[in-house]
C-alpha atoms as a PDB file:
ATOM      1  CA  MET A   1     -10.984  42.667  20.162  1.00  0.00           C
ATOM      2  CA  HIS A   2     -13.158  40.277  21.597  1.00  0.00           C
ATOM      3  CA  LYS A   3     -15.466  41.234  24.758  1.00  0.00           C
ATOM      4  CA  ASN A   4     -16.085  38.404  27.320  1.00  0.00           C
ATOM      5  CA  ILE A   5     -18.341  39.239  30.658  1.00  0.00           C
ATOM      6  CA  ASP A   6     -15.643  39.029  32.698  1.00  0.00           C
ATOM      7  CA  ASP A   7     -14.401  42.671  31.111  1.00  0.00           C
ATOM      8  CA  GLU A   8     -17.368  43.632  32.176  1.00  0.00           C
ATOM      9  CA  ILE A   9     -17.484  46.038  35.374  1.00  0.00           C
ATOM     10  CA  ARG A  10     -19.533  43.918  38.121  1.00  0.00           C
ATOM     11  CA  ALA A  11     -23.026  46.305  39.133  1.00  0.00           C
ATOM     12  CA  GLU A  12     -21.998  45.869  43.108  1.00  0.00           C
ATOM     13  CA  TYR A  13     -18.836  47.753  42.372  1.00  0.00           C
ATOM     14  CA  ASP A  14     -19.437  51.595  42.755  1.00  0.00           C
ATOM     15  CA  PHE A  15     -16.782  54.215  41.364  1.00  0.00           C
ATOM     16  CA  SER A  16     -19.099  57.159  41.436  1.00  0.00           C
ATOM     17  CA  GLN A  17     -17.670  58.576  44.528  1.00  0.00           C
ATOM     18  CA  ALA A  18     -13.943  57.703  43.804  1.00  0.00           C
ATOM     19  CA  VAL A  19     -11.747  60.528  43.761  1.00  0.00           C
ATOM     20  CA  ARG A  20      -8.371  59.949  41.152  1.00  0.00           C
ATOM     21  CA  GLY A  21      -5.483  60.387  42.528  1.00  0.00           C
ATOM     22  CA  LYS A  22      -6.427  60.156  46.070  1.00  0.00           C
ATOM     23  CA  HIS A  23      -3.655  58.796  47.628  1.00  0.00           C
ATOM     24  CA  HIS A  24      -0.882  59.064  44.579  1.00  0.00           C
ATOM     25  CA  LYS A  25       1.372  61.511  46.273  1.00  0.00           C
ATOM     26  CA  SER A  26       1.883  59.662  49.604  1.00  0.00           C
ATOM     27  CA  TYR A  27       1.966  55.754  47.493  1.00  0.00           C
ATOM     28  CA  SER A  28       4.697  57.417  45.366  1.00  0.00           C
ATOM     29  CA  GLU A  29       6.651  58.544  48.011  1.00  0.00           C
ATOM     30  CA  GLY A  30       6.942  55.402  49.899  1.00  0.00           C
ATOM     31  CA  VAL A  31       6.231  52.526  47.691  1.00  0.00           C
ATOM     32  CA  ASN A  32       8.344  51.527  44.280  1.00  0.00           C
ATOM     33  CA  VAL A  33       6.188  49.299  42.259  1.00  0.00           C
ATOM     34  CA  VAL A  34       7.963  46.565  40.592  1.00  0.00           C
ATOM     35  CA  PHE A  35       5.965  44.357  37.829  1.00  0.00           C
ATOM     36  CA  LEU A  36       7.177  40.873  37.678  1.00  0.00           C
ATOM     37  CA  GLU A  37       7.132  38.693  34.621  1.00  0.00           C
ATOM     38  CA  ALA A  38       4.214  35.851  34.696  1.00  0.00           C
ATOM     39  CA  ASP A  39       6.568  32.998  35.488  1.00  0.00           C
ATOM     40  CA  ILE A  40       8.274  35.031  38.338  1.00  0.00           C
ATOM     41  CA  ALA A  41       5.264  35.921  40.362  1.00  0.00           C
ATOM     42  CA  GLN A  42       3.881  32.120  40.217  1.00  0.00           C
ATOM     43  CA  VAL A  43       7.001  31.586  42.464  1.00  0.00           C
ATOM     44  CA  PHE A  44       7.367  34.886  44.517  1.00  0.00           C
ATOM     45  CA  LYS A  45       3.587  35.610  45.504  1.00  0.00           C
ATOM     46  CA  ASP A  46       3.655  38.842  47.340  1.00  0.00           C
ATOM     47  CA  SER A  47       6.264  41.441  48.345  1.00  0.00           C
ATOM     48  CA  GLU A  48       7.693  39.628  51.584  1.00  0.00           C
ATOM     49  CA  ALA A  49       8.742  36.949  48.926  1.00  0.00           C
ATOM     50  CA  VAL A  50      10.124  39.532  46.923  1.00  0.00           C
ATOM     51  CA  ASN A  51      12.173  41.128  49.285  1.00  0.00           C
ATOM     52  CA  HIS A  52      13.379  37.874  50.829  1.00  0.00           C
ATOM     53  CA  ALA A  53      14.744  36.770  47.620  1.00  0.00           C
ATOM     54  CA  LEU A  54      16.340  40.171  47.095  1.00  0.00           C
ATOM     55  CA  ARG A  55      17.542  40.341  50.798  1.00  0.00           C
ATOM     56  CA  MET A  56      19.689  37.121  50.020  1.00  0.00           C
ATOM     57  CA  LEU A  57      20.630  38.279  46.563  1.00  0.00           C
ATOM     58  CA  MET A  58      22.160  40.955  48.416  1.00  0.00           C
ATOM     59  CA  GLU A  59      23.719  39.090  50.933  1.00  0.00           C
ATOM     60  CA  LEU A  60      25.569  36.989  48.494  1.00  0.00           C
ATOM     61  CA  ALA A  61      26.783  39.706  46.002  1.00  0.00           C
ATOM     62  CA  GLY A  62      27.893  41.768  49.310  1.00  0.00           C
ATOM     63  CA  THR A  63      30.898  43.701  48.300  1.00  0.00           C
ATOM     64  CA  GLU A  64      30.047  43.382  44.499  1.00  0.00           C
ATOM     65  CA  LEU A  65      27.528  45.711  44.972  1.00  0.00           C
ATOM     66  CA  LYS A  66      29.306  47.866  47.236  1.00  0.00           C
ATOM     67  CA  ARG A  67      32.156  48.217  44.727  1.00  0.00           C
ATOM     68  CA  ASN A  68      29.275  49.097  41.760  1.00  0.00           C
ATOM     69  CA  ARG A  69      27.986  51.773  43.759  1.00  0.00           C
ATOM     70  CA  THR A  70      31.068  53.683  44.507  1.00  0.00           C
ATOM     71  CA  LYS A  71      32.174  53.437  40.538  1.00  0.00           C
ATOM     72  CA  PRO A  72      31.476  57.481  38.806  1.00  0.00           C
END
């Protein structure tokens, strides 16, 4: 693997006092993390845009989504 100068942590970033997993529990209780592929991320720049699109999809799918949730 070729190391680029951009791969190095900058001197001004000091993680010496960092605590691993400090926010893990609270974050995992209230947030779902989803990784978007590059082409999707170019269109949906932030959580607000993704949530808006998914709400529109839910509205369009409406009864179909409800029907699929009730199946065993």
